[in-house]
Amino acid sequence: MDGRERKNIKVGSKVAIVQNMDARSGHLTHGVVKEILDEDQFHLKGIQIKLKTGQVGRVKMIK
């Protein structure tokens, strides 16, 4: 599914995100969505979320 559309992301979903500090390398961090931070319905680089571990980043892949 597309991580650029808010409608595809639900709290509790397993996702892969790119954190701000990993934006250049593209390193993915995997986890479970705790909170959706973006209010936009679509974002070109991915919807910003917070994982249950507290890490924040943009969704690149929804599992």
N, C-alpha and C. Protein backbone atom coordinates (compact mmCIF):
# COMPACT_ATOMS: atom_id res chain seq x y z
N MET A 1 0.84 -1.20 0.00
CA MET A 1 0.00 0.00 0.00
C MET A 1 0.87 1.24 0.00
N ASP A 2 0.25 2.33 -0.36
CA ASP A 2 0.95 3.59 -0.52
C ASP A 2 1.01 4.36 0.79
N GLY A 3 2.23 4.61 1.29
CA GLY A 3 2.43 5.35 2.53
C GLY A 3 2.29 6.84 2.38
N ARG A 4 1.95 7.30 1.16
CA ARG A 4 1.78 8.73 0.93
C ARG A 4 0.34 9.18 1.17
N GLU A 5 -0.57 8.23 1.35
CA GLU A 5 -1.98 8.56 1.57
C GLU A 5 -2.39 8.19 2.99
N ARG A 6 -2.95 9.14 3.69
CA ARG A 6 -3.35 8.96 5.09
C ARG A 6 -4.37 7.85 5.26
N LYS A 7 -5.26 7.69 4.30
CA LYS A 7 -6.34 6.69 4.42
C LYS A 7 -5.80 5.26 4.50
N ASN A 8 -4.57 5.03 4.04
CA ASN A 8 -3.98 3.69 4.06
C ASN A 8 -3.31 3.34 5.39
N ILE A 9 -3.15 4.34 6.27
CA ILE A 9 -2.40 4.15 7.51
C ILE A 9 -3.35 4.17 8.70
N LYS A 10 -3.28 3.14 9.51
CA LYS A 10 -4.12 3.04 10.70
C LYS A 10 -3.23 2.83 11.92
N VAL A 11 -3.67 3.30 13.06
CA VAL A 11 -2.96 3.04 14.32
C VAL A 11 -2.94 1.53 14.53
N GLY A 12 -1.75 1.00 14.83
CA GLY A 12 -1.59 -0.44 15.01
C GLY A 12 -1.05 -1.14 13.78
N SER A 13 -0.96 -0.42 12.64
CA SER A 13 -0.41 -1.01 11.41
C SER A 13 1.09 -1.19 11.51
N LYS A 14 1.61 -2.24 10.89
CA LYS A 14 3.06 -2.44 10.79
C LYS A 14 3.55 -1.68 9.58
N VAL A 15 4.58 -0.83 9.78
CA VAL A 15 5.09 0.02 8.71
C VAL A 15 6.62 0.07 8.73
N ALA A 16 7.16 0.59 7.64
CA ALA A 16 8.58 0.92 7.57
C ALA A 16 8.66 2.42 7.32
N ILE A 17 9.47 3.12 8.13
CA ILE A 17 9.59 4.57 8.01
C ILE A 17 11.03 4.97 7.76
N VAL A 18 11.19 6.19 7.24
CA VAL A 18 12.50 6.81 7.14
C VAL A 18 12.49 7.97 8.13
N GLN A 19 13.39 7.91 9.11
CA GLN A 19 13.52 8.99 10.07
C GLN A 19 14.26 10.15 9.41
N ASN A 20 14.10 11.34 9.96
CA ASN A 20 14.73 12.53 9.41
C ASN A 20 16.25 12.38 9.27
N MET A 21 16.88 11.78 10.29
CA MET A 21 18.33 11.64 10.26
C MET A 21 18.80 10.62 9.22
N ASP A 22 17.89 9.76 8.74
CA ASP A 22 18.23 8.74 7.75
C ASP A 22 17.74 9.10 6.35
N ALA A 23 17.27 10.31 6.16
CA ALA A 23 16.68 10.71 4.88
C ALA A 23 17.65 10.53 3.71
N ARG A 24 18.91 10.87 3.90
CA ARG A 24 19.88 10.76 2.80
C ARG A 24 20.23 9.31 2.50
N SER A 25 20.40 8.50 3.53
CA SER A 25 20.79 7.10 3.33
C SER A 25 19.60 6.23 2.93
N GLY A 26 18.39 6.63 3.34
CA GLY A 26 17.19 5.85 3.03
C GLY A 26 17.00 4.65 3.95
N HIS A 27 17.74 4.61 5.06
CA HIS A 27 17.64 3.50 6.02
C HIS A 27 16.21 3.42 6.57
N LEU A 28 15.62 2.23 6.49
CA LEU A 28 14.25 2.03 6.97
C LEU A 28 14.23 1.52 8.40
N THR A 29 13.29 2.04 9.18
CA THR A 29 13.05 1.59 10.55
C THR A 29 11.67 0.96 10.57
N HIS A 30 11.56 -0.24 11.09
CA HIS A 30 10.29 -0.97 11.12
C HIS A 30 9.64 -0.87 12.49
N GLY A 31 8.30 -0.81 12.49
CA GLY A 31 7.60 -0.75 13.76
C GLY A 31 6.10 -0.68 13.58
N VAL A 32 5.41 -0.39 14.68
CA VAL A 32 3.94 -0.32 14.71
C VAL A 32 3.52 1.12 14.98
N VAL A 33 2.53 1.59 14.21
CA VAL A 33 2.05 2.97 14.32
C VAL A 33 1.37 3.21 15.66
N LYS A 34 1.83 4.24 16.36
CA LYS A 34 1.20 4.66 17.62
C LYS A 34 0.29 5.87 17.37
N GLU A 35 0.77 6.79 16.50
CA GLU A 35 0.05 8.04 16.28
C GLU A 35 0.37 8.57 14.88
N ILE A 36 -0.64 9.12 14.22
CA ILE A 36 -0.44 9.76 12.92
C ILE A 36 -0.29 11.25 13.18
N LEU A 37 0.86 11.81 12.78
CA LEU A 37 1.18 13.20 13.09
C LEU A 37 0.74 14.18 11.99
N ASP A 38 0.79 13.75 10.73
CA ASP A 38 0.40 14.61 9.62
C ASP A 38 -1.12 14.79 9.59
N GLU A 39 -1.55 15.99 9.31
CA GLU A 39 -2.98 16.24 9.16
C GLU A 39 -3.41 16.21 7.71
N ASP A 40 -2.43 16.27 6.80
CA ASP A 40 -2.73 16.23 5.36
C ASP A 40 -3.21 14.83 4.96
N GLN A 41 -4.03 14.77 3.94
CA GLN A 41 -4.52 13.49 3.42
C GLN A 41 -3.49 12.82 2.51
N PHE A 42 -2.57 13.63 1.96
CA PHE A 42 -1.53 13.13 1.05
C PHE A 42 -0.25 13.92 1.27
N HIS A 43 0.88 13.22 1.26
CA HIS A 43 2.18 13.90 1.33
C HIS A 43 3.12 13.16 0.41
N LEU A 44 3.80 13.88 -0.48
CA LEU A 44 4.64 13.28 -1.50
C LEU A 44 5.74 12.39 -0.93
N LYS A 45 6.29 12.77 0.22
CA LYS A 45 7.39 11.99 0.81
C LYS A 45 6.89 10.95 1.82
N GLY A 46 5.60 10.90 2.07
CA GLY A 46 5.02 9.95 3.02
C GLY A 46 4.42 10.65 4.23
N ILE A 47 3.38 10.05 4.76
CA ILE A 47 2.70 10.60 5.94
C ILE A 47 3.59 10.43 7.16
N GLN A 48 3.68 11.48 7.97
CA GLN A 48 4.54 11.44 9.16
C GLN A 48 3.79 10.79 10.32
N ILE A 49 4.46 9.81 10.96
CA ILE A 49 3.86 9.07 12.06
C ILE A 49 4.85 8.91 13.21
N LYS A 50 4.32 8.46 14.35
CA LYS A 50 5.17 8.10 15.50
C LYS A 50 4.96 6.61 15.74
N LEU A 51 6.07 5.89 15.89
CA LEU A 51 6.00 4.46 16.20
C LEU A 51 5.79 4.27 17.70
N LYS A 52 5.40 3.05 18.10
CA LYS A 52 5.22 2.74 19.52
C LYS A 52 6.52 2.90 20.30
N THR A 53 7.66 2.82 19.60
CA THR A 53 8.97 2.99 20.24
C THR A 53 9.32 4.46 20.44
N GLY A 54 8.49 5.37 19.89
CA GLY A 54 8.72 6.80 20.03
C GLY A 54 9.45 7.42 18.85
N GLN A 55 9.90 6.60 17.91
CA GLN A 55 10.60 7.13 16.74
C GLN A 55 9.60 7.77 15.78
N VAL A 56 10.02 8.87 15.15
CA VAL A 56 9.17 9.62 14.24
C VAL A 56 9.78 9.60 12.85
N GLY A 57 8.92 9.43 11.84
CA GLY A 57 9.41 9.44 10.47
C GLY A 57 8.27 9.38 9.49
N ARG A 58 8.63 9.32 8.21
CA ARG A 58 7.64 9.28 7.13
C ARG A 58 7.50 7.85 6.62
N VAL A 59 6.25 7.43 6.42
CA VAL A 59 5.95 6.06 6.00
C VAL A 59 6.40 5.83 4.57
N LYS A 60 7.20 4.79 4.38
CA LYS A 60 7.65 4.39 3.04
C LYS A 60 6.99 3.10 2.59
N MET A 61 6.59 2.26 3.56
CA MET A 61 6.01 0.97 3.21
C MET A 61 5.06 0.53 4.32
N ILE A 62 3.91 0.00 3.90
CA ILE A 62 2.93 -0.55 4.86
C ILE A 62 2.91 -2.05 4.65
N LYS A 63 3.06 -2.77 5.74
CA LYS A 63 3.12 -4.24 5.63
C LYS A 63 1.75 -4.86 5.80
